Amino acid sequence: MQLDFSAKVVLISGGTSGIGLATAKKFLAASATVVINGRDMRRGELALQELAGGSDHLAFIAGDVTRTDDCRALVERTCQQFGRIDVLVNSAGEYLEKSLADTTEAEYDRIMSVNMKGAFFLTQAALSELKQTCGNIVNVSSDAGLNGNVLCTAYCASKGALTLFTKALSLELAPHGVRVNCVCPGDIETPMLARQVAETSDPEMFRRQMSGIYPLGRIGTAEEVASVIRFLASDSAAFVTGAAWSVDGGLTAG
């Protein structure tokens, strides 16, 4: 496969942990220049250290993608430092497990802002750059962006919106040579999942039950999702756009 990203600049929101951080590692291994984004400066510094932060081909830019001004600033600073954007990975996301009856307006606003609004307006901010480079966009959706999950109405709404945003935007940008795809992971070994498991009364049993729902019999890794993201952004996927790529161990195959 053609996985050489030398001379390419990749911007990753939510790049300081989980799938975003694993994606940064994959692109760096393919000779890309990578900019990771997150809200927390300390987490950004730790991520740079983990990614071998002395590199001239790596930077962290702090910002909150739920703020449109921060989205514009993130794109502007990336272009000021590295001159272009070839790949945008919208990986910033949050999880909410609550019934409709118990979900507050503030919780709804937060989950929609992080999971959908952030991707929408960061993409909007990067649009002219991506058109110039005939670049591509990979959004991190979820199996919950394809199927309904119990007690996840707000989360499913946000990820379902992101999946259809991907498809609609792929049609809008195809005439400009910009490809748009999304990955739809199932449960993945990330700090977010670790927190979810730790909050249960029997974490070991919960983890076994969670693994048991997957046809492949296990939870996925961030690296496995990151590999698919990198493939979709590569020339090997040059005829792939508008795809919602399941990375879920067969969960949504039935």
C-alpha atoms as a PDB file:
ATOM      1  CA  MET A   1       0.000   0.000   0.000  1.00  0.00           C
ATOM      2  CA  GLN A   2       1.088   3.569  -0.667  1.00  0.00           C
ATOM      3  CA  LEU A   3       1.463   4.875   2.886  1.00  0.00           C
ATOM      4  CA  ASP A   4       4.114   7.527   2.352  1.00  0.00           C
ATOM      5  CA  PHE A   5       2.942  10.852   3.767  1.00  0.00           C
ATOM      6  CA  SER A   6       6.204  12.744   3.414  1.00  0.00           C
ATOM      7  CA  ALA A   7       5.538  16.421   2.582  1.00  0.00           C
ATOM      8  CA  LYS A   8       1.955  15.963   3.869  1.00  0.00           C
ATOM      9  CA  VAL A   9       0.560  17.836   6.875  1.00  0.00           C
ATOM     10  CA  VAL A  10      -2.008  16.078   9.057  1.00  0.00           C
ATOM     11  CA  LEU A  11      -4.161  17.949  11.574  1.00  0.00           C
ATOM     12  CA  ILE A  12      -5.772  15.799  14.287  1.00  0.00           C
ATOM     13  CA  SER A  13      -8.316  17.147  16.761  1.00  0.00           C
ATOM     14  CA  GLY A  14      -8.498  15.203  20.003  1.00  0.00           C
ATOM     15  CA  GLY A  15      -4.958  14.101  19.312  1.00  0.00           C
ATOM     16  CA  THR A  16      -3.628  13.936  22.865  1.00  0.00           C
ATOM     17  CA  SER A  17      -5.043  10.530  23.829  1.00  0.00           C
ATOM     18  CA  GLY A  18      -6.871   7.434  22.628  1.00  0.00           C
ATOM     19  CA  ILE A  19      -7.585   7.049  18.927  1.00  0.00           C
ATOM     20  CA  GLY A  20      -6.296  10.527  18.098  1.00  0.00           C
ATOM     21  CA  LEU A  21      -2.914   9.900  19.701  1.00  0.00           C
ATOM     22  CA  ALA A  22      -2.604   6.467  18.089  1.00  0.00           C
ATOM     23  CA  THR A  23      -3.432   8.084  14.733  1.00  0.00           C
ATOM     24  CA  ALA A  24      -0.683  10.658  15.225  1.00  0.00           C
ATOM     25  CA  LYS A  25       1.802   7.822  15.790  1.00  0.00           C
ATOM     26  CA  LYS A  26       0.696   6.066  12.607  1.00  0.00           C
ATOM     27  CA  PHE A  27       1.066   9.175  10.460  1.00  0.00           C
ATOM     28  CA  LEU A  28       4.441  10.057  11.961  1.00  0.00           C
ATOM     29  CA  ALA A  29       5.610   6.520  11.147  1.00  0.00           C
ATOM     30  CA  ALA A  30       4.604   7.222   7.534  1.00  0.00           C
ATOM     31  CA  SER A  31       6.786  10.386   7.441  1.00  0.00           C
ATOM     32  CA  ALA A  32       3.929  12.906   7.801  1.00  0.00           C
ATOM     33  CA  THR A  33       4.105  16.237   9.564  1.00  0.00           C
ATOM     34  CA  VAL A  34       1.525  16.054  12.342  1.00  0.00           C
ATOM     35  CA  VAL A  35      -0.309  18.684  14.381  1.00  0.00           C
ATOM     36  CA  ILE A  36      -2.263  17.392  17.362  1.00  0.00           C
ATOM     37  CA  ASN A  37      -4.925  19.442  19.090  1.00  0.00           C
ATOM     38  CA  GLY A  38      -6.605  19.293  22.481  1.00  0.00           C
ATOM     39  CA  ARG A  39      -7.939  21.566  25.190  1.00  0.00           C
ATOM     40  CA  ASP A  40      -5.388  20.764  27.899  1.00  0.00           C
ATOM     41  CA  MET A  41      -1.851  22.139  27.577  1.00  0.00           C
ATOM     42  CA  ARG A  42      -0.378  19.635  30.041  1.00  0.00           C
ATOM     43  CA  ARG A  43      -1.893  16.670  28.202  1.00  0.00           C
ATOM     44  CA  GLY A  44      -0.550  18.152  24.992  1.00  0.00           C
ATOM     45  CA  GLU A  45       2.961  18.312  26.425  1.00  0.00           C
ATOM     46  CA  LEU A  46       2.736  14.697  27.615  1.00  0.00           C
ATOM     47  CA  ALA A  47       1.487  13.601  24.188  1.00  0.00           C
ATOM     48  CA  LEU A  48       4.427  15.351  22.496  1.00  0.00           C
ATOM     49  CA  GLN A  49       6.818  13.521  24.803  1.00  0.00           C
ATOM     50  CA  GLU A  50       5.187  10.191  23.934  1.00  0.00           C
ATOM     51  CA  LEU A  51       5.429  11.044  20.236  1.00  0.00           C
ATOM     52  CA  ALA A  52       9.120  12.043  20.516  1.00  0.00           C
ATOM     53  CA  GLY A  53       8.375  15.743  20.716  1.00  0.00           C
ATOM     54  CA  GLY A  54      11.750  17.038  19.551  1.00  0.00           C
ATOM     55  CA  SER A  55      10.745  16.474  15.944  1.00  0.00           C
ATOM     56  CA  ASP A  56      10.466  19.403  13.548  1.00  0.00           C
ATOM     57  CA  HIS A  57       7.530  17.546  12.001  1.00  0.00           C
ATOM     58  CA  LEU A  58       5.314  17.581  15.085  1.00  0.00           C
ATOM     59  CA  ALA A  59       3.415  20.236  17.034  1.00  0.00           C
ATOM     60  CA  PHE A  60       0.675  20.610  19.616  1.00  0.00           C
ATOM     61  CA  ILE A  61      -1.790  23.489  19.331  1.00  0.00           C
ATOM     62  CA  ALA A  62      -4.193  24.026  22.215  1.00  0.00           C
ATOM     63  CA  GLY A  63      -7.801  24.885  21.471  1.00  0.00           C
ATOM     64  CA  ASP A  64     -11.417  23.934  22.098  1.00  0.00           C
ATOM     65  CA  VAL A  65     -13.096  22.793  18.887  1.00  0.00           C
ATOM     66  CA  THR A  66     -16.528  23.651  20.304  1.00  0.00           C
ATOM     67  CA  ARG A  67     -15.501  27.291  19.810  1.00  0.00           C
ATOM     68  CA  THR A  68     -15.504  28.434  16.202  1.00  0.00           C
ATOM     69  CA  ASP A  69     -12.792  31.032  16.877  1.00  0.00           C
ATOM     70  CA  ASP A  70     -10.528  28.261  18.183  1.00  0.00           C
ATOM     71  CA  CYS A  71     -11.225  26.198  15.053  1.00  0.00           C
ATOM     72  CA  ARG A  72     -10.149  29.062  12.827  1.00  0.00           C
ATOM     73  CA  ALA A  73      -7.085  29.756  14.971  1.00  0.00           C
ATOM     74  CA  LEU A  74      -6.077  26.092  14.883  1.00  0.00           C
ATOM     75  CA  VAL A  75      -6.115  26.045  11.095  1.00  0.00           C
ATOM     76  CA  GLU A  76      -4.342  29.408  10.830  1.00  0.00           C
ATOM     77  CA  ARG A  77      -1.561  28.380  13.218  1.00  0.00           C
ATOM     78  CA  THR A  78      -1.087  25.049  11.453  1.00  0.00           C
ATOM     79  CA  CYS A  79      -0.699  26.805   8.109  1.00  0.00           C
ATOM     80  CA  GLN A  80       1.586  29.469   9.569  1.00  0.00           C
ATOM     81  CA  GLN A  81       3.899  26.809  10.983  1.00  0.00           C
ATOM     82  CA  PHE A  82       3.784  24.174   8.240  1.00  0.00           C
ATOM     83  CA  GLY A  83       2.315  25.919   5.194  1.00  0.00           C
ATOM     84  CA  ARG A  84      -0.566  23.588   4.315  1.00  0.00           C
ATOM     85  CA  ILE A  85      -3.103  20.979   5.443  1.00  0.00           C
ATOM     86  CA  ASP A  86      -3.457  17.733   3.507  1.00  0.00           C
ATOM     87  CA  VAL A  87      -5.411  15.577   5.965  1.00  0.00           C
ATOM     88  CA  LEU A  88      -7.916  16.541   8.658  1.00  0.00           C
ATOM     89  CA  VAL A  89      -8.835  13.922  11.260  1.00  0.00           C
ATOM     90  CA  ASN A  90     -11.781  14.948  13.431  1.00  0.00           C
ATOM     91  CA  SER A  91     -11.113  12.724  16.436  1.00  0.00           C
ATOM     92  CA  ALA A  92     -12.243  14.931  19.338  1.00  0.00           C
ATOM     93  CA  GLY A  93     -15.158  13.242  21.062  1.00  0.00           C
ATOM     94  CA  GLU A  94     -16.948  12.559  24.308  1.00  0.00           C
ATOM     95  CA  TYR A  95     -19.202   9.736  25.506  1.00  0.00           C
ATOM     96  CA  LEU A  96     -22.478   9.995  27.413  1.00  0.00           C
ATOM     97  CA  GLU A  97     -24.471   7.040  28.700  1.00  0.00           C
ATOM     98  CA  LYS A  98     -27.821   8.266  30.041  1.00  0.00           C
ATOM     99  CA  SER A  99     -31.491   7.725  29.443  1.00  0.00           C
ATOM    100  CA  LEU A 100     -33.435  10.353  27.551  1.00  0.00           C
ATOM    101  CA  ALA A 101     -35.413  11.135  30.711  1.00  0.00           C
ATOM    102  CA  ASP A 102     -32.254  11.856  32.711  1.00  0.00           C
ATOM    103  CA  THR A 103     -30.266  13.791  30.103  1.00  0.00           C
ATOM    104  CA  THR A 104     -30.019  17.490  30.880  1.00  0.00           C
ATOM    105  CA  GLU A 105     -29.966  20.276  28.327  1.00  0.00           C
ATOM    106  CA  ALA A 106     -26.371  21.068  29.312  1.00  0.00           C
ATOM    107  CA  GLU A 107     -25.339  17.439  28.733  1.00  0.00           C
ATOM    108  CA  TYR A 108     -27.082  17.376  25.357  1.00  0.00           C
ATOM    109  CA  ASP A 109     -25.430  20.642  24.321  1.00  0.00           C
ATOM    110  CA  ARG A 110     -22.010  19.380  25.403  1.00  0.00           C
ATOM    111  CA  ILE A 111     -22.147  16.047  23.574  1.00  0.00           C
ATOM    112  CA  MET A 112     -23.470  17.636  20.368  1.00  0.00           C
ATOM    113  CA  SER A 113     -20.909  20.444  20.543  1.00  0.00           C
ATOM    114  CA  VAL A 114     -17.887  18.180  20.966  1.00  0.00           C
ATOM    115  CA  ASN A 115     -18.931  15.330  18.677  1.00  0.00           C
ATOM    116  CA  MET A 116     -20.668  17.226  15.879  1.00  0.00           C
ATOM    117  CA  LYS A 117     -20.254  20.993  16.083  1.00  0.00           C
ATOM    118  CA  GLY A 118     -16.495  20.706  16.532  1.00  0.00           C
ATOM    119  CA  ALA A 119     -16.095  18.515  13.461  1.00  0.00           C
ATOM    120  CA  PHE A 120     -18.413  20.735  11.416  1.00  0.00           C
ATOM    121  CA  PHE A 121     -16.663  24.030  12.121  1.00  0.00           C
ATOM    122  CA  LEU A 122     -13.088  22.722  12.152  1.00  0.00           C
ATOM    123  CA  THR A 123     -13.785  21.239   8.726  1.00  0.00           C
ATOM    124  CA  GLN A 124     -15.298  24.529   7.600  1.00  0.00           C
ATOM    125  CA  ALA A 125     -12.201  26.385   8.780  1.00  0.00           C
ATOM    126  CA  ALA A 126      -9.871  23.985   6.928  1.00  0.00           C
ATOM    127  CA  LEU A 127     -11.943  23.792   3.758  1.00  0.00           C
ATOM    128  CA  SER A 128     -10.023  26.202   1.553  1.00  0.00           C
ATOM    129  CA  GLU A 129      -6.709  24.601   2.490  1.00  0.00           C
ATOM    130  CA  LEU A 130      -7.997  21.102   1.781  1.00  0.00           C
ATOM    131  CA  LYS A 131      -9.347  22.198  -1.596  1.00  0.00           C
ATOM    132  CA  GLN A 132      -5.935  23.607  -2.505  1.00  0.00           C
ATOM    133  CA  THR A 133      -4.148  20.368  -1.617  1.00  0.00           C
ATOM    134  CA  CYS A 134      -6.905  18.032  -2.879  1.00  0.00           C
ATOM    135  CA  GLY A 135      -6.702  16.621   0.600  1.00  0.00           C
ATOM    136  CA  ASN A 136      -9.068  14.469   2.581  1.00  0.00           C
ATOM    137  CA  ILE A 137     -11.021  14.279   5.808  1.00  0.00           C
ATOM    138  CA  VAL A 138     -11.516  11.329   8.140  1.00  0.00           C
ATOM    139  CA  ASN A 139     -14.117  11.698  10.881  1.00  0.00           C
ATOM    140  CA  VAL A 140     -14.168   9.447  13.934  1.00  0.00           C
ATOM    141  CA  SER A 141     -17.775   8.367  14.324  1.00  0.00           C
ATOM    142  CA  SER A 142     -18.880   5.183  16.129  1.00  0.00           C
ATOM    143  CA  ASP A 143     -20.896   2.002  15.822  1.00  0.00           C
ATOM    144  CA  ALA A 144     -23.431   4.206  17.640  1.00  0.00           C
ATOM    145  CA  GLY A 145     -23.424   6.370  14.521  1.00  0.00           C
ATOM    146  CA  LEU A 146     -24.841   3.413  12.597  1.00  0.00           C
ATOM    147  CA  ASN A 147     -27.048   1.578  15.101  1.00  0.00           C
ATOM    148  CA  GLY A 148     -28.971   2.654  18.172  1.00  0.00           C
ATOM    149  CA  ASN A 149     -27.463   1.780  21.574  1.00  0.00           C
ATOM    150  CA  VAL A 150     -29.423   1.446  24.812  1.00  0.00           C
ATOM    151  CA  LEU A 151     -29.190   4.485  27.122  1.00  0.00           C
ATOM    152  CA  CYS A 152     -27.176   6.451  24.564  1.00  0.00           C
ATOM    153  CA  THR A 153     -29.762   8.629  22.846  1.00  0.00           C
ATOM    154  CA  ALA A 154     -27.734  11.852  22.889  1.00  0.00           C
ATOM    155  CA  TYR A 155     -24.466  10.116  22.013  1.00  0.00           C
ATOM    156  CA  CYS A 156     -26.097   8.189  19.156  1.00  0.00           C
ATOM    157  CA  ALA A 157     -27.691  11.396  17.895  1.00  0.00           C
ATOM    158  CA  SER A 158     -24.300  13.121  17.808  1.00  0.00           C
ATOM    159  CA  LYS A 159     -22.480  10.256  16.080  1.00  0.00           C
ATOM    160  CA  GLY A 160     -25.343   9.571  13.681  1.00  0.00           C
ATOM    161  CA  ALA A 161     -25.175  13.218  12.680  1.00  0.00           C
ATOM    162  CA  LEU A 162     -21.416  12.911  12.138  1.00  0.00           C
ATOM    163  CA  THR A 163     -21.845   9.846   9.919  1.00  0.00           C
ATOM    164  CA  LEU A 164     -24.395  11.572   7.672  1.00  0.00           C
ATOM    165  CA  PHE A 165     -22.349  14.782   7.714  1.00  0.00           C
ATOM    166  CA  THR A 166     -19.518  12.658   6.291  1.00  0.00           C
ATOM    167  CA  LYS A 167     -21.675  11.305   3.482  1.00  0.00           C
ATOM    168  CA  ALA A 168     -23.218  14.653   2.571  1.00  0.00           C
ATOM    169  CA  LEU A 169     -19.881  16.443   2.616  1.00  0.00           C
ATOM    170  CA  SER A 170     -18.264  13.771   0.451  1.00  0.00           C
ATOM    171  CA  LEU A 171     -20.748  14.635  -2.310  1.00  0.00           C
ATOM    172  CA  GLU A 172     -20.211  18.365  -1.847  1.00  0.00           C
ATOM    173  CA  LEU A 173     -16.426  18.116  -2.032  1.00  0.00           C
ATOM    174  CA  ALA A 174     -15.998  15.390  -4.660  1.00  0.00           C
ATOM    175  CA  PRO A 175     -15.870  17.953  -7.505  1.00  0.00           C
ATOM    176  CA  HIS A 176     -12.944  19.594  -5.682  1.00  0.00           C
ATOM    177  CA  GLY A 177     -10.983  16.345  -5.392  1.00  0.00           C
ATOM    178  CA  VAL A 178     -11.395  16.219  -1.612  1.00  0.00           C
ATOM    179  CA  ARG A 179     -12.346  12.836  -0.159  1.00  0.00           C
ATOM    180  CA  VAL A 180     -14.400  12.514   3.051  1.00  0.00           C
ATOM    181  CA  ASN A 181     -14.803   9.289   5.032  1.00  0.00           C
ATOM    182  CA  CYS A 182     -15.466   8.211   8.590  1.00  0.00           C
ATOM    183  CA  VAL A 183     -14.516   5.294  10.788  1.00  0.00           C
ATOM    184  CA  CYS A 184     -17.121   3.735  13.082  1.00  0.00           C
ATOM    185  CA  PRO A 185     -15.321   1.979  15.922  1.00  0.00           C
ATOM    186  CA  GLY A 186     -16.909  -0.253  18.511  1.00  0.00           C
ATOM    187  CA  ASP A 187     -15.548  -0.375  22.055  1.00  0.00           C
ATOM    188  CA  ILE A 188     -11.859   0.462  21.906  1.00  0.00           C
ATOM    189  CA  GLU A 189      -9.149   0.267  24.577  1.00  0.00           C
ATOM    190  CA  THR A 190      -8.733   3.956  25.364  1.00  0.00           C
ATOM    191  CA  PRO A 191      -8.621   6.098  28.525  1.00  0.00           C
ATOM    192  CA  MET A 192     -12.313   6.875  27.904  1.00  0.00           C
ATOM    193  CA  LEU A 193     -13.193   3.173  28.022  1.00  0.00           C
ATOM    194  CA  ALA A 194     -10.971   2.627  31.060  1.00  0.00           C
ATOM    195  CA  ARG A 195     -12.923   5.293  32.957  1.00  0.00           C
ATOM    196  CA  GLN A 196     -16.222   3.715  31.925  1.00  0.00           C
ATOM    197  CA  VAL A 197     -15.098   0.264  33.130  1.00  0.00           C
ATOM    198  CA  ALA A 198     -13.687   1.614  36.400  1.00  0.00           C
ATOM    199  CA  GLU A 199     -17.065   3.129  37.318  1.00  0.00           C
ATOM    200  CA  THR A 200     -18.810  -0.283  37.313  1.00  0.00           C
ATOM    201  CA  SER A 201     -19.332  -2.422  40.416  1.00  0.00           C
ATOM    202  CA  ASP A 202     -17.408  -5.368  38.911  1.00  0.00           C
ATOM    203  CA  PRO A 203     -14.945  -4.122  36.277  1.00  0.00           C
ATOM    204  CA  GLU A 204     -13.607  -7.590  35.420  1.00  0.00           C
ATOM    205  CA  MET A 205     -17.072  -9.015  34.813  1.00  0.00           C
ATOM    206  CA  PHE A 206     -18.119  -5.891  32.890  1.00  0.00           C
ATOM    207  CA  ARG A 207     -15.106  -6.195  30.609  1.00  0.00           C
ATOM    208  CA  ARG A 208     -15.821  -9.887  29.931  1.00  0.00           C
ATOM    209  CA  GLN A 209     -19.432  -9.109  29.106  1.00  0.00           C
ATOM    210  CA  MET A 210     -18.401  -6.247  26.832  1.00  0.00           C
ATOM    211  CA  SER A 211     -15.911  -8.423  24.959  1.00  0.00           C
ATOM    212  CA  GLY A 212     -18.509 -11.180  24.600  1.00  0.00           C
ATOM    213  CA  ILE A 213     -20.840  -9.137  22.393  1.00  0.00           C
ATOM    214  CA  TYR A 214     -18.216  -8.927  19.634  1.00  0.00           C
ATOM    215  CA  PRO A 215     -18.065 -11.729  17.042  1.00  0.00           C
ATOM    216  CA  LEU A 216     -14.253 -11.556  17.189  1.00  0.00           C
ATOM    217  CA  GLY A 217     -14.489 -11.997  20.967  1.00  0.00           C
ATOM    218  CA  ARG A 218     -12.520  -8.991  22.120  1.00  0.00           C
ATOM    219  CA  ILE A 219     -12.350  -5.230  22.425  1.00  0.00           C
ATOM    220  CA  GLY A 220     -10.414  -3.371  19.728  1.00  0.00           C
ATOM    221  CA  THR A 221      -7.291  -1.268  20.097  1.00  0.00           C
ATOM    222  CA  ALA A 222      -6.716   2.370  19.234  1.00  0.00           C
ATOM    223  CA  GLU A 223      -3.899   1.289  16.929  1.00  0.00           C
ATOM    224  CA  GLU A 224      -6.290  -0.843  14.880  1.00  0.00           C
ATOM    225  CA  VAL A 225      -8.611   2.119  14.342  1.00  0.00           C
ATOM    226  CA  ALA A 226      -5.665   4.392  13.575  1.00  0.00           C
ATOM    227  CA  SER A 227      -4.467   1.993  10.871  1.00  0.00           C
ATOM    228  CA  VAL A 228      -7.816   2.272   9.095  1.00  0.00           C
ATOM    229  CA  ILE A 229      -7.775   6.069   9.403  1.00  0.00           C
ATOM    230  CA  ARG A 230      -4.322   6.219   7.840  1.00  0.00           C
ATOM    231  CA  PHE A 231      -5.398   3.867   5.040  1.00  0.00           C
ATOM    232  CA  LEU A 232      -8.462   5.998   4.242  1.00  0.00           C
ATOM    233  CA  ALA A 233      -6.249   9.084   4.063  1.00  0.00           C
ATOM    234  CA  SER A 234      -3.739   7.372   1.779  1.00  0.00           C
ATOM    235  CA  ASP A 235      -3.497   7.114  -1.984  1.00  0.00           C
ATOM    236  CA  SER A 236      -4.377   3.431  -1.624  1.00  0.00           C
ATOM    237  CA  ALA A 237      -7.937   4.568  -0.851  1.00  0.00           C
ATOM    238  CA  ALA A 238      -8.063   7.076  -3.713  1.00  0.00           C
ATOM    239  CA  PHE A 239     -11.458   5.789  -4.939  1.00  0.00           C
ATOM    240  CA  VAL A 240     -13.020   5.688  -1.461  1.00  0.00           C
ATOM    241  CA  THR A 241     -15.216   8.584  -0.392  1.00  0.00           C
ATOM    242  CA  GLY A 242     -18.457   8.834   1.557  1.00  0.00           C
ATOM    243  CA  ALA A 243     -17.682   5.578   3.357  1.00  0.00           C
ATOM    244  CA  ALA A 244     -18.611   4.760   6.952  1.00  0.00           C
ATOM    245  CA  TRP A 245     -15.953   2.169   7.698  1.00  0.00           C
ATOM    246  CA  SER A 246     -16.824  -0.188  10.548  1.00  0.00           C
ATOM    247  CA  VAL A 247     -13.938  -1.080  12.873  1.00  0.00           C
ATOM    248  CA  ASP A 248     -15.970  -3.049  15.375  1.00  0.00           C
ATOM    249  CA  GLY A 249     -15.020  -6.705  15.362  1.00  0.00           C
ATOM    250  CA  GLY A 250     -18.188  -7.603  13.460  1.00  0.00           C
ATOM    251  CA  LEU A 251     -20.592  -5.936  15.909  1.00  0.00           C
ATOM    252  CA  THR A 252     -22.722  -4.231  13.233  1.00  0.00           C
ATOM    253  CA  ALA A 253     -22.423  -7.008  10.634  1.00  0.00           C
ATOM    254  CA  GLY A 254     -25.693  -8.679  11.643  1.00  0.00           C
END
